[in-house]
């Protein structure tokens, strides 16, 4: 016997759940293995595992935290991916030790084969990025979009700290960042339960808007 699961008409109504919040300690000493390879820049260190792929670009460096916001030009499917990497520095050289959040620009459709293909609004892409930052416990929220309208993004009426253009595969993407944004506190204040919610609840509860675009 076969059963057919309910498929929402919009990605805004896809159920999402998050695990327990991961605590992040800033400024803590990072233990680096003895066989770690060190590089001249954070971008070189992060690009080392891409096996000849396009070079990764550092969009913003937070040296006091040992973190850097980087963009990988080709994600999946052929969309720029942005993530916050953690790194160690020693004698002017760098080694990437991990990352705590990542998001991929979605120009219109999901890339996971078992999920239906949806047309995403830019607000929904932003909401997904906020979800990816939810568990980090970091005072920073970021994301990436292929829509220049993201320059008009507001969350709870507040504009990003900055929005920057980054080239990829002959195109342009737009990386946005809110410094000093406590994402878990925003979710809590909006009454969005991390154990079960939808992007519609995130958009409405946190007040995600992109100019005059319909949010979903």
C-alpha atoms as a PDB file:
ATOM      1  CA  UNK A   1       0.000   0.000   0.000  1.00  0.00           C
ATOM      2  CA  UNK A   2       1.315   3.430  -0.882  1.00  0.00           C
ATOM      3  CA  UNK A   3       0.545   6.698   0.859  1.00  0.00           C
ATOM      4  CA  UNK A   4       0.943  10.231  -0.410  1.00  0.00           C
ATOM      5  CA  UNK A   5       2.148  12.895   2.008  1.00  0.00           C
ATOM      6  CA  UNK A   6       0.546  16.308   2.015  1.00  0.00           C
ATOM      7  CA  UNK A   7       2.534  18.745  -0.115  1.00  0.00           C
ATOM      8  CA  UNK A   8       2.037  22.446   0.699  1.00  0.00           C
ATOM      9  CA  UNK A   9       1.279  24.838  -2.144  1.00  0.00           C
ATOM     10  CA  UNK A  10       4.040  27.196  -1.004  1.00  0.00           C
ATOM     11  CA  UNK A  11       7.497  26.780   0.561  1.00  0.00           C
ATOM     12  CA  UNK A  12       6.263  29.216   3.212  1.00  0.00           C
ATOM     13  CA  UNK A  13       4.123  26.383   4.618  1.00  0.00           C
ATOM     14  CA  UNK A  14       6.785  23.674   4.655  1.00  0.00           C
ATOM     15  CA  UNK A  15       7.215  22.410   8.252  1.00  0.00           C
ATOM     16  CA  UNK A  16      10.640  23.069   9.763  1.00  0.00           C
ATOM     17  CA  UNK A  17      12.160  22.028  13.080  1.00  0.00           C
ATOM     18  CA  UNK A  18      15.420  22.844  14.798  1.00  0.00           C
ATOM     19  CA  UNK A  19      17.354  20.896  17.399  1.00  0.00           C
ATOM     20  CA  UNK A  20      18.710  22.268  20.632  1.00  0.00           C
ATOM     21  CA  UNK A  21      20.525  25.569  20.449  1.00  0.00           C
ATOM     22  CA  UNK A  22      24.275  25.273  20.019  1.00  0.00           C
ATOM     23  CA  UNK A  23      26.225  27.526  22.346  1.00  0.00           C
ATOM     24  CA  UNK A  24      29.070  29.428  20.728  1.00  0.00           C
ATOM     25  CA  UNK A  25      31.921  30.804  22.835  1.00  0.00           C
ATOM     26  CA  UNK A  26      33.645  33.770  21.249  1.00  0.00           C
ATOM     27  CA  UNK A  27      37.311  34.447  21.776  1.00  0.00           C
ATOM     28  CA  UNK A  28      37.955  30.934  23.085  1.00  0.00           C
ATOM     29  CA  UNK A  29      41.326  29.383  22.270  1.00  0.00           C
ATOM     30  CA  UNK A  30      41.105  27.002  19.340  1.00  0.00           C
ATOM     31  CA  UNK A  31      43.058  23.752  19.478  1.00  0.00           C
ATOM     32  CA  UNK A  32      44.669  23.168  16.105  1.00  0.00           C
ATOM     33  CA  UNK A  33      46.107  19.720  15.236  1.00  0.00           C
ATOM     34  CA  UNK A  34      49.862  19.540  14.726  1.00  0.00           C
ATOM     35  CA  UNK A  35      49.452  18.467  11.090  1.00  0.00           C
ATOM     36  CA  UNK A  36      47.256  21.445  10.180  1.00  0.00           C
ATOM     37  CA  UNK A  37      48.195  23.209   6.956  1.00  0.00           C
ATOM     38  CA  UNK A  38      48.503  26.974   7.264  1.00  0.00           C
ATOM     39  CA  UNK A  39      47.817  29.495   4.502  1.00  0.00           C
ATOM     40  CA  UNK A  40      48.576  33.130   3.783  1.00  0.00           C
ATOM     41  CA  UNK A  41      44.902  34.177   3.849  1.00  0.00           C
ATOM     42  CA  UNK A  42      41.584  32.919   5.215  1.00  0.00           C
ATOM     43  CA  UNK A  43      40.294  32.649   1.630  1.00  0.00           C
ATOM     44  CA  UNK A  44      43.177  30.334   0.667  1.00  0.00           C
ATOM     45  CA  UNK A  45      42.605  28.217   3.766  1.00  0.00           C
ATOM     46  CA  UNK A  46      38.879  27.869   3.042  1.00  0.00           C
ATOM     47  CA  UNK A  47      39.481  27.232  -0.678  1.00  0.00           C
ATOM     48  CA  UNK A  48      41.984  24.444  -0.012  1.00  0.00           C
ATOM     49  CA  UNK A  49      39.310  21.719   0.033  1.00  0.00           C
ATOM     50  CA  UNK A  50      37.472  22.774  -3.136  1.00  0.00           C
ATOM     51  CA  UNK A  51      39.791  20.722  -5.386  1.00  0.00           C
ATOM     52  CA  UNK A  52      40.381  23.339  -8.035  1.00  0.00           C
ATOM     53  CA  UNK A  53      36.954  24.966  -7.876  1.00  0.00           C
ATOM     54  CA  UNK A  54      36.436  28.717  -8.041  1.00  0.00           C
ATOM     55  CA  UNK A  55      38.278  30.675  -5.364  1.00  0.00           C
ATOM     56  CA  UNK A  56      36.329  31.461  -2.208  1.00  0.00           C
ATOM     57  CA  UNK A  57      35.992  35.150  -1.362  1.00  0.00           C
ATOM     58  CA  UNK A  58      36.092  36.664   2.113  1.00  0.00           C
ATOM     59  CA  UNK A  59      33.280  39.214   2.335  1.00  0.00           C
ATOM     60  CA  UNK A  60      33.857  40.245   5.944  1.00  0.00           C
ATOM     61  CA  UNK A  61      36.487  39.328   8.521  1.00  0.00           C
ATOM     62  CA  UNK A  62      35.830  39.438  12.260  1.00  0.00           C
ATOM     63  CA  UNK A  63      39.399  38.881  13.544  1.00  0.00           C
ATOM     64  CA  UNK A  64      38.512  39.467  17.212  1.00  0.00           C
ATOM     65  CA  UNK A  65      36.133  36.501  17.001  1.00  0.00           C
ATOM     66  CA  UNK A  66      38.291  34.344  14.742  1.00  0.00           C
ATOM     67  CA  UNK A  67      35.465  34.251  12.186  1.00  0.00           C
ATOM     68  CA  UNK A  68      35.045  35.280   8.564  1.00  0.00           C
ATOM     69  CA  UNK A  69      32.005  35.490   6.296  1.00  0.00           C
ATOM     70  CA  UNK A  70      32.911  33.812   3.008  1.00  0.00           C
ATOM     71  CA  UNK A  71      31.199  33.159  -0.316  1.00  0.00           C
ATOM     72  CA  UNK A  72      31.750  30.090  -2.472  1.00  0.00           C
ATOM     73  CA  UNK A  73      30.904  31.149  -6.053  1.00  0.00           C
ATOM     74  CA  UNK A  74      29.327  27.864  -7.126  1.00  0.00           C
ATOM     75  CA  UNK A  75      26.954  26.142  -4.759  1.00  0.00           C
ATOM     76  CA  UNK A  76      24.060  23.865  -5.661  1.00  0.00           C
ATOM     77  CA  UNK A  77      22.562  24.244  -8.171  1.00  0.00           C
ATOM     78  CA  UNK A  78      25.070  26.812  -9.514  1.00  0.00           C
ATOM     79  CA  UNK A  79      24.087  29.276  -6.802  1.00  0.00           C
ATOM     80  CA  UNK A  80      26.472  31.142  -4.510  1.00  0.00           C
ATOM     81  CA  UNK A  81      26.770  29.773  -0.981  1.00  0.00           C
ATOM     82  CA  UNK A  82      27.744  31.916   2.001  1.00  0.00           C
ATOM     83  CA  UNK A  83      28.903  30.712   5.408  1.00  0.00           C
ATOM     84  CA  UNK A  84      30.588  31.925   8.563  1.00  0.00           C
ATOM     85  CA  UNK A  85      33.839  30.037   9.057  1.00  0.00           C
ATOM     86  CA  UNK A  86      35.900  29.881  12.209  1.00  0.00           C
ATOM     87  CA  UNK A  87      39.645  30.079  11.887  1.00  0.00           C
ATOM     88  CA  UNK A  88      42.889  30.145  13.838  1.00  0.00           C
ATOM     89  CA  UNK A  89      45.770  32.493  13.081  1.00  0.00           C
ATOM     90  CA  UNK A  90      49.423  32.031  13.882  1.00  0.00           C
ATOM     91  CA  UNK A  91      52.364  34.085  12.720  1.00  0.00           C
ATOM     92  CA  UNK A  92      50.308  35.848  10.068  1.00  0.00           C
ATOM     93  CA  UNK A  93      48.990  32.575   8.609  1.00  0.00           C
ATOM     94  CA  UNK A  94      45.550  31.011   8.840  1.00  0.00           C
ATOM     95  CA  UNK A  95      43.802  27.659   9.225  1.00  0.00           C
ATOM     96  CA  UNK A  96      40.034  27.164   8.988  1.00  0.00           C
ATOM     97  CA  UNK A  97      38.688  25.117  11.903  1.00  0.00           C
ATOM     98  CA  UNK A  98      34.987  24.828  10.971  1.00  0.00           C
ATOM     99  CA  UNK A  99      31.836  26.843  10.349  1.00  0.00           C
ATOM    100  CA  UNK A 100      28.637  27.580  12.233  1.00  0.00           C
ATOM    101  CA  UNK A 101      26.118  28.657   9.642  1.00  0.00           C
ATOM    102  CA  UNK A 102      25.503  28.509   5.894  1.00  0.00           C
ATOM    103  CA  UNK A 103      22.907  29.509   3.339  1.00  0.00           C
ATOM    104  CA  UNK A 104      22.532  29.163  -0.420  1.00  0.00           C
ATOM    105  CA  UNK A 105      20.854  31.611  -2.783  1.00  0.00           C
ATOM    106  CA  UNK A 106      17.707  30.055  -4.233  1.00  0.00           C
ATOM    107  CA  UNK A 107      16.722  31.636  -7.553  1.00  0.00           C
ATOM    108  CA  UNK A 108      13.314  30.074  -7.801  1.00  0.00           C
ATOM    109  CA  UNK A 109      13.454  26.456  -6.761  1.00  0.00           C
ATOM    110  CA  UNK A 110      14.543  23.925  -4.182  1.00  0.00           C
ATOM    111  CA  UNK A 111      17.559  21.820  -5.083  1.00  0.00           C
ATOM    112  CA  UNK A 112      16.777  18.716  -2.989  1.00  0.00           C
ATOM    113  CA  UNK A 113      15.305  16.060  -5.267  1.00  0.00           C
ATOM    114  CA  UNK A 114      12.842  14.640  -2.745  1.00  0.00           C
ATOM    115  CA  UNK A 115      11.214  18.042  -2.297  1.00  0.00           C
ATOM    116  CA  UNK A 116       8.858  19.681  -4.785  1.00  0.00           C
ATOM    117  CA  UNK A 117      10.113  22.574  -6.876  1.00  0.00           C
ATOM    118  CA  UNK A 118       8.789  25.865  -5.576  1.00  0.00           C
ATOM    119  CA  UNK A 119       9.130  29.447  -6.690  1.00  0.00           C
ATOM    120  CA  UNK A 120      10.770  31.223  -3.770  1.00  0.00           C
ATOM    121  CA  UNK A 121      10.216  34.852  -2.927  1.00  0.00           C
ATOM    122  CA  UNK A 122      13.259  36.760  -1.724  1.00  0.00           C
ATOM    123  CA  UNK A 123      11.615  37.104   1.703  1.00  0.00           C
ATOM    124  CA  UNK A 124      11.373  33.301   1.920  1.00  0.00           C
ATOM    125  CA  UNK A 125      15.057  32.976   1.014  1.00  0.00           C
ATOM    126  CA  UNK A 126      15.892  35.488   3.764  1.00  0.00           C
ATOM    127  CA  UNK A 127      13.728  33.612   6.255  1.00  0.00           C
ATOM    128  CA  UNK A 128      15.575  30.370   5.456  1.00  0.00           C
ATOM    129  CA  UNK A 129      18.857  32.147   6.095  1.00  0.00           C
ATOM    130  CA  UNK A 130      17.625  33.385   9.473  1.00  0.00           C
ATOM    131  CA  UNK A 131      16.671  29.817  10.313  1.00  0.00           C
ATOM    132  CA  UNK A 132      20.219  28.686   9.458  1.00  0.00           C
ATOM    133  CA  UNK A 133      21.541  31.264  11.953  1.00  0.00           C
ATOM    134  CA  UNK A 134      19.024  30.307  14.650  1.00  0.00           C
ATOM    135  CA  UNK A 135      21.046  27.622  16.420  1.00  0.00           C
ATOM    136  CA  UNK A 136      24.394  29.420  16.379  1.00  0.00           C
ATOM    137  CA  UNK A 137      23.847  31.739  19.318  1.00  0.00           C
ATOM    138  CA  UNK A 138      25.978  34.318  17.496  1.00  0.00           C
ATOM    139  CA  UNK A 139      25.116  38.047  17.460  1.00  0.00           C
ATOM    140  CA  UNK A 140      25.149  38.042  13.684  1.00  0.00           C
ATOM    141  CA  UNK A 141      22.684  37.076  10.969  1.00  0.00           C
ATOM    142  CA  UNK A 142      23.536  36.792   7.288  1.00  0.00           C
ATOM    143  CA  UNK A 143      22.372  35.442   3.970  1.00  0.00           C
ATOM    144  CA  UNK A 144      22.796  35.644   0.222  1.00  0.00           C
ATOM    145  CA  UNK A 145      20.403  36.399  -2.617  1.00  0.00           C
ATOM    146  CA  UNK A 146      20.575  36.753  -6.380  1.00  0.00           C
ATOM    147  CA  UNK A 147      17.881  39.451  -6.167  1.00  0.00           C
ATOM    148  CA  UNK A 148      19.177  43.068  -6.045  1.00  0.00           C
ATOM    149  CA  UNK A 149      15.920  43.993  -4.274  1.00  0.00           C
ATOM    150  CA  UNK A 150      17.440  42.487  -1.118  1.00  0.00           C
ATOM    151  CA  UNK A 151      19.039  45.929  -0.707  1.00  0.00           C
ATOM    152  CA  UNK A 152      15.565  46.970   0.469  1.00  0.00           C
ATOM    153  CA  UNK A 153      15.412  44.159   3.053  1.00  0.00           C
ATOM    154  CA  UNK A 154      14.095  44.896   6.533  1.00  0.00           C
ATOM    155  CA  UNK A 155      13.652  42.567   9.501  1.00  0.00           C
ATOM    156  CA  UNK A 156      11.399  44.055  12.133  1.00  0.00           C
ATOM    157  CA  UNK A 157      11.705  47.373  10.324  1.00  0.00           C
ATOM    158  CA  UNK A 158      15.527  47.384  10.546  1.00  0.00           C
ATOM    159  CA  UNK A 159      17.795  47.401   7.496  1.00  0.00           C
ATOM    160  CA  UNK A 160      20.915  45.197   7.341  1.00  0.00           C
ATOM    161  CA  UNK A 161      24.184  46.542   8.703  1.00  0.00           C
ATOM    162  CA  UNK A 162      25.456  46.169   5.152  1.00  0.00           C
ATOM    163  CA  UNK A 163      24.655  44.597   1.776  1.00  0.00           C
ATOM    164  CA  UNK A 164      27.517  43.857  -0.618  1.00  0.00           C
ATOM    165  CA  UNK A 165      27.753  42.687  -4.210  1.00  0.00           C
ATOM    166  CA  UNK A 166      29.842  39.599  -4.942  1.00  0.00           C
ATOM    167  CA  UNK A 167      30.439  38.244  -8.430  1.00  0.00           C
ATOM    168  CA  UNK A 168      29.932  34.559  -9.213  1.00  0.00           C
ATOM    169  CA  UNK A 169      29.883  32.545 -12.459  1.00  0.00           C
ATOM    170  CA  UNK A 170      29.517  35.717 -14.501  1.00  0.00           C
ATOM    171  CA  UNK A 171      26.622  36.964 -12.375  1.00  0.00           C
ATOM    172  CA  UNK A 172      26.136  38.937  -9.175  1.00  0.00           C
ATOM    173  CA  UNK A 173      24.846  37.931  -5.771  1.00  0.00           C
ATOM    174  CA  UNK A 174      24.071  40.121  -2.780  1.00  0.00           C
ATOM    175  CA  UNK A 175      25.340  39.227   0.664  1.00  0.00           C
ATOM    176  CA  UNK A 176      23.475  40.858   3.558  1.00  0.00           C
ATOM    177  CA  UNK A 177      24.475  40.935   7.196  1.00  0.00           C
ATOM    178  CA  UNK A 178      22.954  42.114  10.466  1.00  0.00           C
ATOM    179  CA  UNK A 179      25.659  42.600  13.061  1.00  0.00           C
ATOM    180  CA  UNK A 180      24.445  42.539  16.655  1.00  0.00           C
ATOM    181  CA  UNK A 181      21.239  40.641  15.820  1.00  0.00           C
ATOM    182  CA  UNK A 182      20.152  38.058  18.413  1.00  0.00           C
ATOM    183  CA  UNK A 183      18.219  35.674  16.157  1.00  0.00           C
ATOM    184  CA  UNK A 184      17.125  33.234  18.922  1.00  0.00           C
ATOM    185  CA  UNK A 185      15.726  36.180  20.920  1.00  0.00           C
ATOM    186  CA  UNK A 186      13.785  37.376  17.853  1.00  0.00           C
ATOM    187  CA  UNK A 187      12.271  33.919  17.355  1.00  0.00           C
ATOM    188  CA  UNK A 188      11.362  33.733  21.041  1.00  0.00           C
ATOM    189  CA  UNK A 189       9.794  37.225  21.049  1.00  0.00           C
ATOM    190  CA  UNK A 190       7.773  36.310  17.949  1.00  0.00           C
ATOM    191  CA  UNK A 191       6.505  33.123  19.586  1.00  0.00           C
ATOM    192  CA  UNK A 192       8.094  30.937  16.884  1.00  0.00           C
ATOM    193  CA  UNK A 193       8.744  27.502  18.420  1.00  0.00           C
ATOM    194  CA  UNK A 194      12.080  26.077  17.155  1.00  0.00           C
ATOM    195  CA  UNK A 195      10.695  22.541  17.463  1.00  0.00           C
ATOM    196  CA  UNK A 196       8.108  23.176  14.748  1.00  0.00           C
ATOM    197  CA  UNK A 197       7.385  26.175  12.548  1.00  0.00           C
ATOM    198  CA  UNK A 198       7.032  27.383   8.964  1.00  0.00           C
ATOM    199  CA  UNK A 199       8.728  30.119   6.949  1.00  0.00           C
ATOM    200  CA  UNK A 200       5.385  31.955   6.931  1.00  0.00           C
ATOM    201  CA  UNK A 201       5.554  32.154  10.736  1.00  0.00           C
ATOM    202  CA  UNK A 202       9.156  33.406  10.563  1.00  0.00           C
ATOM    203  CA  UNK A 203       8.298  36.039   7.950  1.00  0.00           C
ATOM    204  CA  UNK A 204       5.231  37.275   9.824  1.00  0.00           C
ATOM    205  CA  UNK A 205       6.664  36.982  13.336  1.00  0.00           C
ATOM    206  CA  UNK A 206      10.028  38.612  12.621  1.00  0.00           C
ATOM    207  CA  UNK A 207       8.621  41.095  10.118  1.00  0.00           C
ATOM    208  CA  UNK A 208      10.711  40.037   7.091  1.00  0.00           C
ATOM    209  CA  UNK A 209      10.046  42.341   4.145  1.00  0.00           C
ATOM    210  CA  UNK A 210      11.858  43.056   0.874  1.00  0.00           C
ATOM    211  CA  UNK A 211      10.647  46.405  -0.427  1.00  0.00           C
ATOM    212  CA  UNK A 212       7.176  46.081  -1.925  1.00  0.00           C
ATOM    213  CA  UNK A 213       7.552  42.380  -2.762  1.00  0.00           C
ATOM    214  CA  UNK A 214       4.787  40.065  -1.560  1.00  0.00           C
ATOM    215  CA  UNK A 215       6.531  38.076   1.217  1.00  0.00           C
ATOM    216  CA  UNK A 216       5.008  34.732   0.081  1.00  0.00           C
END
